[in-house]
């Protein structure tokens, strides 16, 4: 790892240590929220790339939080880009299938 990446991993793990006492679920949310709000886009982009490369050095709780954040942000380093990606995915998503009507005893099955 480069020294800059080492610093990012150490910072992420330090944030994780702060939130650890809150229990796993709250800690993951807290770490992800902190990184989203306070890390600049370039830092998020680098930690996401590090995650894609295996996330070496990230503590398990911090790793889960960064995975959650990346998923929540659709892999984008800014909130605006994440929203645009979510909107694009929603527009390209296939329409939901209509729900099948429940048949009563007197109806015939199609076919």
PDB file of N, CA and C in Angstrom:
ATOM      1  N   UNK A   1       0.841  -1.187   0.000  1.00  0.00           N
ATOM      2  CA  UNK A   1       0.000   0.000   0.000  1.00  0.00           C
ATOM      3  C   UNK A   1       0.881   1.243   0.000  1.00  0.00           C
ATOM      4  N   UNK A   2       0.406   2.277  -0.653  1.00  0.00           N
ATOM      5  CA  UNK A   2       1.138   3.546  -0.626  1.00  0.00           C
ATOM      6  C   UNK A   2       0.926   4.221   0.718  1.00  0.00           C
ATOM      7  N   UNK A   3       1.801   5.155   1.041  1.00  0.00           N
ATOM      8  CA  UNK A   3       1.669   5.825   2.340  1.00  0.00           C
ATOM      9  C   UNK A   3       0.361   6.608   2.431  1.00  0.00           C
ATOM     10  N   UNK A   4      -0.106   7.162   1.287  1.00  0.00           N
ATOM     11  CA  UNK A   4      -1.383   7.884   1.303  1.00  0.00           C
ATOM     12  C   UNK A   4      -2.536   6.924   1.572  1.00  0.00           C
ATOM     13  N   UNK A   5      -2.499   5.781   0.948  1.00  0.00           N
ATOM     14  CA  UNK A   5      -3.541   4.784   1.168  1.00  0.00           C
ATOM     15  C   UNK A   5      -3.477   4.246   2.589  1.00  0.00           C
ATOM     16  N   UNK A   6      -2.259   4.056   3.104  1.00  0.00           N
ATOM     17  CA  UNK A   6      -2.097   3.641   4.500  1.00  0.00           C
ATOM     18  C   UNK A   6      -2.774   4.644   5.434  1.00  0.00           C
ATOM     19  N   UNK A   7      -2.619   5.915   5.118  1.00  0.00           N
ATOM     20  CA  UNK A   7      -3.231   6.974   5.935  1.00  0.00           C
ATOM     21  C   UNK A   7      -4.748   6.894   5.876  1.00  0.00           C
ATOM     22  N   UNK A   8      -5.305   6.686   4.685  1.00  0.00           N
ATOM     23  CA  UNK A   8      -6.762   6.567   4.557  1.00  0.00           C
ATOM     24  C   UNK A   8      -7.292   5.376   5.349  1.00  0.00           C
ATOM     25  N   UNK A   9      -6.603   4.245   5.253  1.00  0.00           N
ATOM     26  CA  UNK A   9      -7.021   3.044   5.980  1.00  0.00           C
ATOM     27  C   UNK A   9      -6.948   3.299   7.480  1.00  0.00           C
ATOM     28  N   UNK A  10      -5.865   3.933   7.936  1.00  0.00           N
ATOM     29  CA  UNK A  10      -5.725   4.236   9.364  1.00  0.00           C
ATOM     30  C   UNK A  10      -6.834   5.179   9.819  1.00  0.00           C
ATOM     31  N   UNK A  11      -7.133   6.206   9.011  1.00  0.00           N
ATOM     32  CA  UNK A  11      -8.204   7.144   9.369  1.00  0.00           C
ATOM     33  C   UNK A  11      -9.547   6.424   9.457  1.00  0.00           C
ATOM     34  N   UNK A  12      -9.834   5.578   8.477  1.00  0.00           N
ATOM     35  CA  UNK A  12     -11.100   4.839   8.478  1.00  0.00           C
ATOM     36  C   UNK A  12     -11.194   3.943   9.707  1.00  0.00           C
ATOM     37  N   UNK A  13     -10.095   3.260  10.027  1.00  0.00           N
ATOM     38  CA  UNK A  13     -10.088   2.386  11.207  1.00  0.00           C
ATOM     39  C   UNK A  13     -10.226   3.187  12.497  1.00  0.00           C
ATOM     40  N   UNK A  14      -9.647   4.381  12.550  1.00  0.00           N
ATOM     41  CA  UNK A  14      -9.804   5.242  13.735  1.00  0.00           C
ATOM     42  C   UNK A  14     -11.265   5.642  13.922  1.00  0.00           C
ATOM     43  N   UNK A  15     -11.937   5.955  12.822  1.00  0.00           N
ATOM     44  CA  UNK A  15     -13.366   6.279  12.888  1.00  0.00           C
ATOM     45  C   UNK A  15     -14.129   5.053  13.398  1.00  0.00           C
ATOM     46  N   UNK A  16     -13.759   3.890  12.897  1.00  0.00           N
ATOM     47  CA  UNK A  16     -14.389   2.647  13.339  1.00  0.00           C
ATOM     48  C   UNK A  16     -14.212   2.410  14.828  1.00  0.00           C
ATOM     49  N   UNK A  17     -13.026   2.693  15.340  1.00  0.00           N
ATOM     50  CA  UNK A  17     -12.770   2.512  16.772  1.00  0.00           C
ATOM     51  C   UNK A  17     -13.653   3.432  17.602  1.00  0.00           C
ATOM     52  N   UNK A  18     -13.878   4.645  17.113  1.00  0.00           N
ATOM     53  CA  UNK A  18     -14.730   5.584  17.827  1.00  0.00           C
ATOM     54  C   UNK A  18     -16.158   5.046  17.942  1.00  0.00           C
ATOM     55  N   UNK A  19     -16.682   4.491  16.851  1.00  0.00           N
ATOM     56  CA  UNK A  19     -18.079   4.054  16.822  1.00  0.00           C
ATOM     57  C   UNK A  19     -18.291   2.644  17.364  1.00  0.00           C
ATOM     58  N   UNK A  20     -17.229   1.865  17.532  1.00  0.00           N
ATOM     59  CA  UNK A  20     -17.336   0.455  17.912  1.00  0.00           C
ATOM     60  C   UNK A  20     -18.197   0.232  19.156  1.00  0.00           C
ATOM     61  N   UNK A  21     -18.106   1.104  20.144  1.00  0.00           N
ATOM     62  CA  UNK A  21     -18.828   0.929  21.408  1.00  0.00           C
ATOM     63  C   UNK A  21     -20.350   1.013  21.238  1.00  0.00           C
ATOM     64  N   UNK A  22     -20.816   1.481  20.092  1.00  0.00           N
ATOM     65  CA  UNK A  22     -22.256   1.640  19.868  1.00  0.00           C
ATOM     66  C   UNK A  22     -22.928   0.356  19.387  1.00  0.00           C
ATOM     67  N   UNK A  23     -22.176  -0.701  19.243  1.00  0.00           N
ATOM     68  CA  UNK A  23     -22.742  -1.942  18.711  1.00  0.00           C
ATOM     69  C   UNK A  23     -22.591  -1.969  17.206  1.00  0.00           C
ATOM     70  N   UNK A  24     -22.569  -3.170  16.648  1.00  0.00           N
ATOM     71  CA  UNK A  24     -22.240  -3.329  15.234  1.00  0.00           C
ATOM     72  C   UNK A  24     -23.142  -2.546  14.291  1.00  0.00           C
ATOM     73  N   UNK A  25     -24.433  -2.678  14.421  1.00  0.00           N
ATOM     74  CA  UNK A  25     -25.354  -2.035  13.479  1.00  0.00           C
ATOM     75  C   UNK A  25     -25.222  -0.517  13.500  1.00  0.00           C
ATOM     76  N   UNK A  26     -25.232   0.061  14.690  1.00  0.00           N
ATOM     77  CA  UNK A  26     -25.106   1.526  14.806  1.00  0.00           C
ATOM     78  C   UNK A  26     -23.712   1.991  14.409  1.00  0.00           C
ATOM     79  N   UNK A  27     -22.700   1.182  14.724  1.00  0.00           N
ATOM     80  CA  UNK A  27     -21.335   1.553  14.371  1.00  0.00           C
ATOM     81  C   UNK A  27     -21.157   1.596  12.851  1.00  0.00           C
ATOM     82  N   UNK A  28     -21.667   0.592  12.164  1.00  0.00           N
ATOM     83  CA  UNK A  28     -21.558   0.563  10.701  1.00  0.00           C
ATOM     84  C   UNK A  28     -22.234   1.792  10.103  1.00  0.00           C
ATOM     85  N   UNK A  29     -23.421   2.086  10.578  1.00  0.00           N
ATOM     86  CA  UNK A  29     -24.134   3.268  10.077  1.00  0.00           C
ATOM     87  C   UNK A  29     -23.368   4.550  10.411  1.00  0.00           C
ATOM     88  N   UNK A  30     -22.823   4.637  11.612  1.00  0.00           N
ATOM     89  CA  UNK A  30     -22.088   5.834  12.030  1.00  0.00           C
ATOM     90  C   UNK A  30     -20.816   6.046  11.239  1.00  0.00           C
ATOM     91  N   UNK A  31     -20.077   4.975  11.011  1.00  0.00           N
ATOM     92  CA  UNK A  31     -18.839   5.072  10.225  1.00  0.00           C
ATOM     93  C   UNK A  31     -19.171   5.511   8.799  1.00  0.00           C
ATOM     94  N   UNK A  32     -20.146   4.842   8.200  1.00  0.00           N
ATOM     95  CA  UNK A  32     -20.530   5.172   6.824  1.00  0.00           C
ATOM     96  C   UNK A  32     -20.996   6.622   6.722  1.00  0.00           C
ATOM     97  N   UNK A  33     -21.796   7.057   7.669  1.00  0.00           N
ATOM     98  CA  UNK A  33     -22.307   8.424   7.666  1.00  0.00           C
ATOM     99  C   UNK A  33     -21.160   9.431   7.812  1.00  0.00           C
ATOM    100  N   UNK A  34     -20.234   9.153   8.720  1.00  0.00           N
ATOM    101  CA  UNK A  34     -19.100  10.064   8.928  1.00  0.00           C
ATOM    102  C   UNK A  34     -18.259  10.198   7.658  1.00  0.00           C
ATOM    103  N   UNK A  35     -17.929   9.067   7.041  1.00  0.00           N
ATOM    104  CA  UNK A  35     -17.119   9.108   5.822  1.00  0.00           C
ATOM    105  C   UNK A  35     -17.871   9.839   4.719  1.00  0.00           C
ATOM    106  N   UNK A  36     -19.170   9.576   4.577  1.00  0.00           N
ATOM    107  CA  UNK A  36     -19.956  10.241   3.547  1.00  0.00           C
ATOM    108  C   UNK A  36     -19.949  11.759   3.740  1.00  0.00           C
ATOM    109  N   UNK A  37     -20.134  12.198   4.977  1.00  0.00           N
ATOM    110  CA  UNK A  37     -20.264  13.633   5.246  1.00  0.00           C
ATOM    111  C   UNK A  37     -18.940  14.386   5.262  1.00  0.00           C
ATOM    112  N   UNK A  38     -17.884  13.748   5.766  1.00  0.00           N
ATOM    113  CA  UNK A  38     -16.678  14.508   6.065  1.00  0.00           C
ATOM    114  C   UNK A  38     -15.466  14.187   5.193  1.00  0.00           C
ATOM    115  N   UNK A  39     -15.513  13.115   4.429  1.00  0.00           N
ATOM    116  CA  UNK A  39     -14.398  12.832   3.538  1.00  0.00           C
ATOM    117  C   UNK A  39     -14.681  13.474   2.192  1.00  0.00           C
ATOM    118  N   UNK A  40     -13.659  14.055   1.613  1.00  0.00           N
ATOM    119  CA  UNK A  40     -13.843  14.670   0.294  1.00  0.00           C
ATOM    120  C   UNK A  40     -13.998  13.566  -0.754  1.00  0.00           C
ATOM    121  N   UNK A  41     -14.606  13.900  -1.888  1.00  0.00           N
ATOM    122  CA  UNK A  41     -14.867  12.876  -2.911  1.00  0.00           C
ATOM    123  C   UNK A  41     -13.629  12.085  -3.329  1.00  0.00           C
ATOM    124  N   UNK A  42     -12.492  12.745  -3.444  1.00  0.00           N
ATOM    125  CA  UNK A  42     -11.271  12.046  -3.855  1.00  0.00           C
ATOM    126  C   UNK A  42     -10.911  10.945  -2.849  1.00  0.00           C
ATOM    127  N   UNK A  43     -11.085  11.232  -1.558  1.00  0.00           N
ATOM    128  CA  UNK A  43     -10.783  10.246  -0.517  1.00  0.00           C
ATOM    129  C   UNK A  43     -11.744   9.059  -0.607  1.00  0.00           C
ATOM    130  N   UNK A  44     -13.034   9.354  -0.806  1.00  0.00           N
ATOM    131  CA  UNK A  44     -14.019   8.273  -0.931  1.00  0.00           C
ATOM    132  C   UNK A  44     -13.721   7.420  -2.163  1.00  0.00           C
ATOM    133  N   UNK A  45     -13.367   8.066  -3.252  1.00  0.00           N
ATOM    134  CA  UNK A  45     -13.048   7.334  -4.473  1.00  0.00           C
ATOM    135  C   UNK A  45     -11.871   6.390  -4.230  1.00  0.00           C
ATOM    136  N   UNK A  46     -10.866   6.859  -3.510  1.00  0.00           N
ATOM    137  CA  UNK A  46      -9.690   6.035  -3.228  1.00  0.00           C
ATOM    138  C   UNK A  46     -10.011   4.877  -2.286  1.00  0.00           C
ATOM    139  N   UNK A  47     -10.823   5.121  -1.263  1.00  0.00           N
ATOM    140  CA  UNK A  47     -11.149   4.031  -0.336  1.00  0.00           C
ATOM    141  C   UNK A  47     -12.068   3.014  -1.017  1.00  0.00           C
ATOM    142  N   UNK A  48     -12.946   3.474  -1.921  1.00  0.00           N
ATOM    143  CA  UNK A  48     -13.783   2.543  -2.684  1.00  0.00           C
ATOM    144  C   UNK A  48     -12.905   1.679  -3.598  1.00  0.00           C
ATOM    145  N   UNK A  49     -11.899   2.291  -4.238  1.00  0.00           N
ATOM    146  CA  UNK A  49     -10.990   1.528  -5.097  1.00  0.00           C
ATOM    147  C   UNK A  49     -10.195   0.525  -4.262  1.00  0.00           C
ATOM    148  N   UNK A  50      -9.799   0.943  -3.066  1.00  0.00           N
ATOM    149  CA  UNK A  50      -9.082   0.033  -2.169  1.00  0.00           C
ATOM    150  C   UNK A  50      -9.994  -1.128  -1.760  1.00  0.00           C
ATOM    151  N   UNK A  51     -11.247  -0.833  -1.515  1.00  0.00           N
ATOM    152  CA  UNK A  51     -12.225  -1.872  -1.189  1.00  0.00           C
ATOM    153  C   UNK A  51     -12.334  -2.868  -2.344  1.00  0.00           C
ATOM    154  N   UNK A  52     -12.400  -2.349  -3.572  1.00  0.00           N
ATOM    155  CA  UNK A  52     -12.488  -3.216  -4.751  1.00  0.00           C
ATOM    156  C   UNK A  52     -11.258  -4.117  -4.892  1.00  0.00           C
ATOM    157  N   UNK A  53     -10.129  -3.626  -4.372  1.00  0.00           N
ATOM    158  CA  UNK A  53      -8.887  -4.397  -4.439  1.00  0.00           C
ATOM    159  C   UNK A  53      -8.740  -5.357  -3.258  1.00  0.00           C
ATOM    160  N   UNK A  54      -9.760  -5.439  -2.420  1.00  0.00           N
ATOM    161  CA  UNK A  54      -9.738  -6.391  -1.310  1.00  0.00           C
ATOM    162  C   UNK A  54      -9.839  -5.759   0.061  1.00  0.00           C
ATOM    163  N   UNK A  55      -9.578  -4.459   0.171  1.00  0.00           N
ATOM    164  CA  UNK A  55      -9.743  -3.767   1.448  1.00  0.00           C
ATOM    165  C   UNK A  55      -8.705  -4.135   2.498  1.00  0.00           C
ATOM    166  N   UNK A  56      -7.506  -4.482   2.081  1.00  0.00           N
ATOM    167  CA  UNK A  56      -6.460  -4.892   3.025  1.00  0.00           C
ATOM    168  C   UNK A  56      -6.250  -3.835   4.098  1.00  0.00           C
ATOM    169  N   UNK A  57      -6.164  -4.309   5.342  1.00  0.00           N
ATOM    170  CA  UNK A  57      -5.877  -3.423   6.460  1.00  0.00           C
ATOM    171  C   UNK A  57      -7.096  -2.824   7.133  1.00  0.00           C
ATOM    172  N   UNK A  58      -8.256  -2.884   6.489  1.00  0.00           N
ATOM    173  CA  UNK A  58      -9.468  -2.341   7.114  1.00  0.00           C
ATOM    174  C   UNK A  58      -9.964  -3.322   8.177  1.00  0.00           C
ATOM    175  N   UNK A  59     -10.248  -2.809   9.360  1.00  0.00           N
ATOM    176  CA  UNK A  59     -10.831  -3.626  10.421  1.00  0.00           C
ATOM    177  C   UNK A  59     -12.185  -4.156   9.943  1.00  0.00           C
ATOM    178  N   UNK A  60     -12.625  -5.320  10.428  1.00  0.00           N
ATOM    179  CA  UNK A  60     -13.878  -5.909   9.942  1.00  0.00           C
ATOM    180  C   UNK A  60     -15.085  -4.966  10.014  1.00  0.00           C
ATOM    181  N   UNK A  61     -15.238  -4.235  11.105  1.00  0.00           N
ATOM    182  CA  UNK A  61     -16.374  -3.318  11.240  1.00  0.00           C
ATOM    183  C   UNK A  61     -16.266  -2.177  10.232  1.00  0.00           C
ATOM    184  N   UNK A  62     -15.077  -1.640  10.083  1.00  0.00           N
ATOM    185  CA  UNK A  62     -14.850  -0.560   9.128  1.00  0.00           C
ATOM    186  C   UNK A  62     -15.062  -1.055   7.707  1.00  0.00           C
ATOM    187  N   UNK A  63     -14.612  -2.259   7.422  1.00  0.00           N
ATOM    188  CA  UNK A  63     -14.806  -2.849   6.101  1.00  0.00           C
ATOM    189  C   UNK A  63     -16.293  -2.933   5.769  1.00  0.00           C
ATOM    190  N   UNK A  64     -17.096  -3.425   6.703  1.00  0.00           N
ATOM    191  CA  UNK A  64     -18.548  -3.510   6.485  1.00  0.00           C
ATOM    192  C   UNK A  64     -19.147  -2.124   6.241  1.00  0.00           C
ATOM    193  N   UNK A  65     -18.676  -1.136   6.988  1.00  0.00           N
ATOM    194  CA  UNK A  65     -19.202   0.219   6.835  1.00  0.00           C
ATOM    195  C   UNK A  65     -18.859   0.801   5.467  1.00  0.00           C
ATOM    196  N   UNK A  66     -17.642   0.594   5.011  1.00  0.00           N
ATOM    197  CA  UNK A  66     -17.232   1.112   3.698  1.00  0.00           C
ATOM    198  C   UNK A  66     -17.984   0.370   2.600  1.00  0.00           C
ATOM    199  N   UNK A  67     -18.205  -0.929   2.770  1.00  0.00           N
ATOM    200  CA  UNK A  67     -19.010  -1.682   1.803  1.00  0.00           C
ATOM    201  C   UNK A  67     -20.431  -1.130   1.741  1.00  0.00           C
ATOM    202  N   UNK A  68     -21.010  -0.854   2.916  1.00  0.00           N
ATOM    203  CA  UNK A  68     -22.363  -0.291   2.974  1.00  0.00           C
ATOM    204  C   UNK A  68     -22.405   1.071   2.302  1.00  0.00           C
ATOM    205  N   UNK A  69     -21.426   1.908   2.621  1.00  0.00           N
ATOM    206  CA  UNK A  69     -21.388   3.244   2.034  1.00  0.00           C
ATOM    207  C   UNK A  69     -21.265   3.171   0.521  1.00  0.00           C
ATOM    208  N   UNK A  70     -20.385   2.318   0.042  1.00  0.00           N
ATOM    209  CA  UNK A  70     -20.213   2.200  -1.407  1.00  0.00           C
ATOM    210  C   UNK A  70     -21.510   1.754  -2.072  1.00  0.00           C
ATOM    211  N   UNK A  71     -22.185   0.785  -1.458  1.00  0.00           N
ATOM    212  CA  UNK A  71     -23.468   0.322  -2.010  1.00  0.00           C
ATOM    213  C   UNK A  71     -24.508   1.442  -1.962  1.00  0.00           C
ATOM    214  N   UNK A  72     -24.577   2.144  -0.831  1.00  0.00           N
ATOM    215  CA  UNK A  72     -25.546   3.232  -0.689  1.00  0.00           C
ATOM    216  C   UNK A  72     -25.296   4.349  -1.689  1.00  0.00           C
ATOM    217  N   UNK A  73     -24.024   4.575  -2.009  1.00  0.00           N
ATOM    218  CA  UNK A  73     -23.655   5.659  -2.916  1.00  0.00           C
ATOM    219  C   UNK A  73     -23.465   5.159  -4.354  1.00  0.00           C
ATOM    220  N   UNK A  74     -23.853   3.920  -4.607  1.00  0.00           N
ATOM    221  CA  UNK A  74     -23.749   3.335  -5.944  1.00  0.00           C
ATOM    222  C   UNK A  74     -22.332   3.460  -6.488  1.00  0.00           C
ATOM    223  N   UNK A  75     -21.348   3.403  -5.574  1.00  0.00           N
ATOM    224  CA  UNK A  75     -19.949   3.457  -5.970  1.00  0.00           C
ATOM    225  C   UNK A  75     -19.449   4.829  -6.360  1.00  0.00           C
ATOM    226  N   UNK A  76     -20.269   5.853  -6.166  1.00  0.00           N
ATOM    227  CA  UNK A  76     -19.903   7.216  -6.565  1.00  0.00           C
ATOM    228  C   UNK A  76     -19.373   7.995  -5.365  1.00  0.00           C
ATOM    229  N   UNK A  77     -18.391   8.890  -5.574  1.00  0.00           N
ATOM    230  CA  UNK A  77     -17.786   9.598  -4.450  1.00  0.00           C
ATOM    231  C   UNK A  77     -18.541  10.829  -3.968  1.00  0.00           C
ATOM    232  N   UNK A  78     -19.554  11.275  -4.697  1.00  0.00           N
ATOM    233  CA  UNK A  78     -20.320  12.430  -4.226  1.00  0.00           C
ATOM    234  C   UNK A  78     -21.796  12.068  -4.133  1.00  0.00           C
ATOM    235  N   UNK A  79     -22.496  12.781  -3.286  1.00  0.00           N
ATOM    236  CA  UNK A  79     -23.926  12.530  -3.113  1.00  0.00           C
ATOM    237  C   UNK A  79     -24.675  12.810  -4.411  1.00  0.00           C
ATOM    238  N   UNK A  80     -24.299  13.875  -5.108  1.00  0.00           N
ATOM    239  CA  UNK A  80     -24.970  14.216  -6.368  1.00  0.00           C
ATOM    240  C   UNK A  80     -24.792  13.103  -7.403  1.00  0.00           C
ATOM    241  N   UNK A  81     -23.570  12.575  -7.508  1.00  0.00           N
ATOM    242  CA  UNK A  81     -23.334  11.484  -8.453  1.00  0.00           C
ATOM    243  C   UNK A  81     -24.085  10.223  -8.035  1.00  0.00           C
ATOM    244  N   UNK A  82     -24.161   9.977  -6.730  1.00  0.00           N
ATOM    245  CA  UNK A  82     -24.888   8.808  -6.233  1.00  0.00           C
ATOM    246  C   UNK A  82     -26.372   8.915  -6.568  1.00  0.00           C
ATOM    247  N   UNK A  83     -26.935  10.104  -6.379  1.00  0.00           N
ATOM    248  CA  UNK A  83     -28.356  10.299  -6.724  1.00  0.00           C
ATOM    249  C   UNK A  83     -28.590  10.107  -8.211  1.00  0.00           C
ATOM    250  N   UNK A  84     -27.694  10.654  -9.032  1.00  0.00           N
ATOM    251  CA  UNK A  84     -27.827  10.510 -10.481  1.00  0.00           C
ATOM    252  C   UNK A  84     -27.743   9.040 -10.886  1.00  0.00           C
ATOM    253  N   UNK A  85     -26.828   8.295 -10.266  1.00  0.00           N
ATOM    254  CA  UNK A  85     -26.708   6.865 -10.566  1.00  0.00           C
ATOM    255  C   UNK A  85     -27.964   6.114 -10.147  1.00  0.00           C
ATOM    256  N   UNK A  86     -28.509   6.457  -8.986  1.00  0.00           N
ATOM    257  CA  UNK A  86     -29.738   5.796  -8.519  1.00  0.00           C
ATOM    258  C   UNK A  86     -30.893   6.115  -9.456  1.00  0.00           C
ATOM    259  N   UNK A  87     -30.996   7.370  -9.888  1.00  0.00           N
ATOM    260  CA  UNK A  87     -32.058   7.751 -10.820  1.00  0.00           C
ATOM    261  C   UNK A  87     -31.916   7.016 -12.149  1.00  0.00           C
ATOM    262  N   UNK A  88     -30.686   6.924 -12.642  1.00  0.00           N
ATOM    263  CA  UNK A  88     -30.443   6.233 -13.911  1.00  0.00           C
ATOM    264  C   UNK A  88     -30.810   4.758 -13.794  1.00  0.00           C
ATOM    265  N   UNK A  89     -30.454   4.151 -12.683  1.00  0.00           N
ATOM    266  CA  UNK A  89     -30.796   2.735 -12.492  1.00  0.00           C
ATOM    267  C   UNK A  89     -32.309   2.551 -12.425  1.00  0.00           C
ATOM    268  N   UNK A  90     -32.979   3.485 -11.749  1.00  0.00           N
ATOM    269  CA  UNK A  90     -34.434   3.389 -11.619  1.00  0.00           C
ATOM    270  C   UNK A  90     -35.106   3.525 -12.985  1.00  0.00           C
ATOM    271  N   UNK A  91     -34.587   4.389 -13.836  1.00  0.00           N
ATOM    272  CA  UNK A  91     -35.172   4.580 -15.164  1.00  0.00           C
ATOM    273  C   UNK A  91     -34.929   3.376 -16.062  1.00  0.00           C
ATOM    274  N   UNK A  92     -33.814   2.706 -15.855  1.00  0.00           N
ATOM    275  CA  UNK A  92     -33.476   1.551 -16.693  1.00  0.00           C
ATOM    276  C   UNK A  92     -33.980   0.231 -16.121  1.00  0.00           C
ATOM    277  N   UNK A  93     -34.529   0.275 -14.939  1.00  0.00           N
ATOM    278  CA  UNK A  93     -35.015  -0.949 -14.307  1.00  0.00           C
ATOM    279  C   UNK A  93     -36.241  -1.453 -15.046  1.00  0.00           C
ATOM    280  N   UNK A  94     -36.353  -2.752 -15.180  1.00  0.00           N
ATOM    281  CA  UNK A  94     -37.552  -3.288 -15.835  1.00  0.00           C
ATOM    282  C   UNK A  94     -38.790  -3.004 -14.992  1.00  0.00           C
ATOM    283  N   UNK A  95     -39.884  -2.827 -15.674  1.00  0.00           N
ATOM    284  CA  UNK A  95     -41.138  -2.572 -14.970  1.00  0.00           C
ATOM    285  C   UNK A  95     -41.487  -3.793 -14.124  1.00  0.00           C
ATOM    286  N   UNK A  96     -42.052  -3.562 -12.946  1.00  0.00           N
ATOM    287  CA  UNK A  96     -42.431  -4.702 -12.115  1.00  0.00           C
ATOM    288  C   UNK A  96     -43.495  -5.537 -12.812  1.00  0.00           C
ATOM    289  N   UNK A  97     -43.412  -6.827 -12.602  1.00  0.00           N
ATOM    290  CA  UNK A  97     -44.394  -7.723 -13.195  1.00  0.00           C
ATOM    291  C   UNK A  97     -45.734  -7.563 -12.486  1.00  0.00           C
ATOM    292  N   UNK A  98     -46.816  -7.636 -13.244  1.00  0.00           N
ATOM    293  CA  UNK A  98     -48.122  -7.535 -12.583  1.00  0.00           C
ATOM    294  C   UNK A  98     -48.332  -8.742 -11.683  1.00  0.00           C
ATOM    295  N   UNK A  99     -48.999  -8.500 -10.599  1.00  0.00           N
ATOM    296  CA  UNK A  99     -49.273  -9.601  -9.674  1.00  0.00           C
ATOM    297  C   UNK A  99     -50.352 -10.486 -10.273  1.00  0.00           C
ATOM    298  N   UNK A 100     -50.158 -11.766 -10.118  1.00  0.00           N
ATOM    299  CA  UNK A 100     -51.137 -12.727 -10.626  1.00  0.00           C
ATOM    300  C   UNK A 100     -52.395 -12.651  -9.774  1.00  0.00           C
ATOM    301  N   UNK A 101     -53.513 -12.724 -10.441  1.00  0.00           N
ATOM    302  CA  UNK A 101     -54.778 -12.731  -9.717  1.00  0.00           C
ATOM    303  C   UNK A 101     -54.988 -14.109  -9.107  1.00  0.00           C
ATOM    304  N   UNK A 102     -55.494 -14.104  -7.918  1.00  0.00           N
ATOM    305  CA  UNK A 102     -55.804 -15.382  -7.268  1.00  0.00           C
ATOM    306  C   UNK A 102     -56.997 -16.003  -7.976  1.00  0.00           C
ATOM    307  N   UNK A 103     -56.864 -17.276  -8.277  1.00  0.00           N
ATOM    308  CA  UNK A 103     -57.972 -17.955  -8.950  1.00  0.00           C
ATOM    309  C   UNK A 103     -58.954 -18.534  -7.914  1.00  0.00           C
ATOM    310  N   UNK A 104     -60.191 -18.483  -8.262  1.00  0.00           N
ATOM    311  CA  UNK A 104     -61.179 -19.151  -7.441  1.00  0.00           C
ATOM    312  C   UNK A 104     -61.449 -20.514  -8.052  1.00  0.00           C
ATOM    313  N   UNK A 105     -62.127 -21.356  -7.380  1.00  0.00           N
ATOM    314  CA  UNK A 105     -62.341 -22.731  -7.820  1.00  0.00           C
ATOM    315  C   UNK A 105     -62.957 -22.881  -9.201  1.00  0.00           C
ATOM    316  N   UNK A 106     -63.788 -21.936  -9.676  1.00  0.00           N
ATOM    317  CA  UNK A 106     -64.520 -22.110 -10.933  1.00  0.00           C
ATOM    318  C   UNK A 106     -63.776 -21.609 -12.151  1.00  0.00           C
ATOM    319  N   UNK A 107     -62.590 -20.992 -11.992  1.00  0.00           N
ATOM    320  CA  UNK A 107     -61.880 -20.443 -13.149  1.00  0.00           C
ATOM    321  C   UNK A 107     -60.942 -21.484 -13.734  1.00  0.00           C
ATOM    322  N   UNK A 108     -60.771 -21.377 -15.032  1.00  0.00           N
ATOM    323  CA  UNK A 108     -59.841 -22.258 -15.716  1.00  0.00           C
ATOM    324  C   UNK A 108     -58.496 -21.573 -15.831  1.00  0.00           C
ATOM    325  N   UNK A 109     -57.463 -22.347 -15.769  1.00  0.00           N
ATOM    326  CA  UNK A 109     -56.114 -21.807 -15.957  1.00  0.00           C
ATOM    327  C   UNK A 109     -55.927 -21.497 -17.432  1.00  0.00           C
ATOM    328  N   UNK A 110     -55.217 -20.414 -17.752  1.00  0.00           N
ATOM    329  CA  UNK A 110     -54.959 -20.107 -19.178  1.00  0.00           C
ATOM    330  C   UNK A 110     -54.131 -21.210 -19.806  1.00  0.00           C
ATOM    331  N   UNK A 111     -54.301 -21.389 -21.109  1.00  0.00           N
ATOM    332  CA  UNK A 111     -53.456 -22.355 -21.790  1.00  0.00           C
ATOM    333  C   UNK A 111     -54.217 -23.343 -22.465  1.00  0.00           C
TER     334      UNK A 111
END
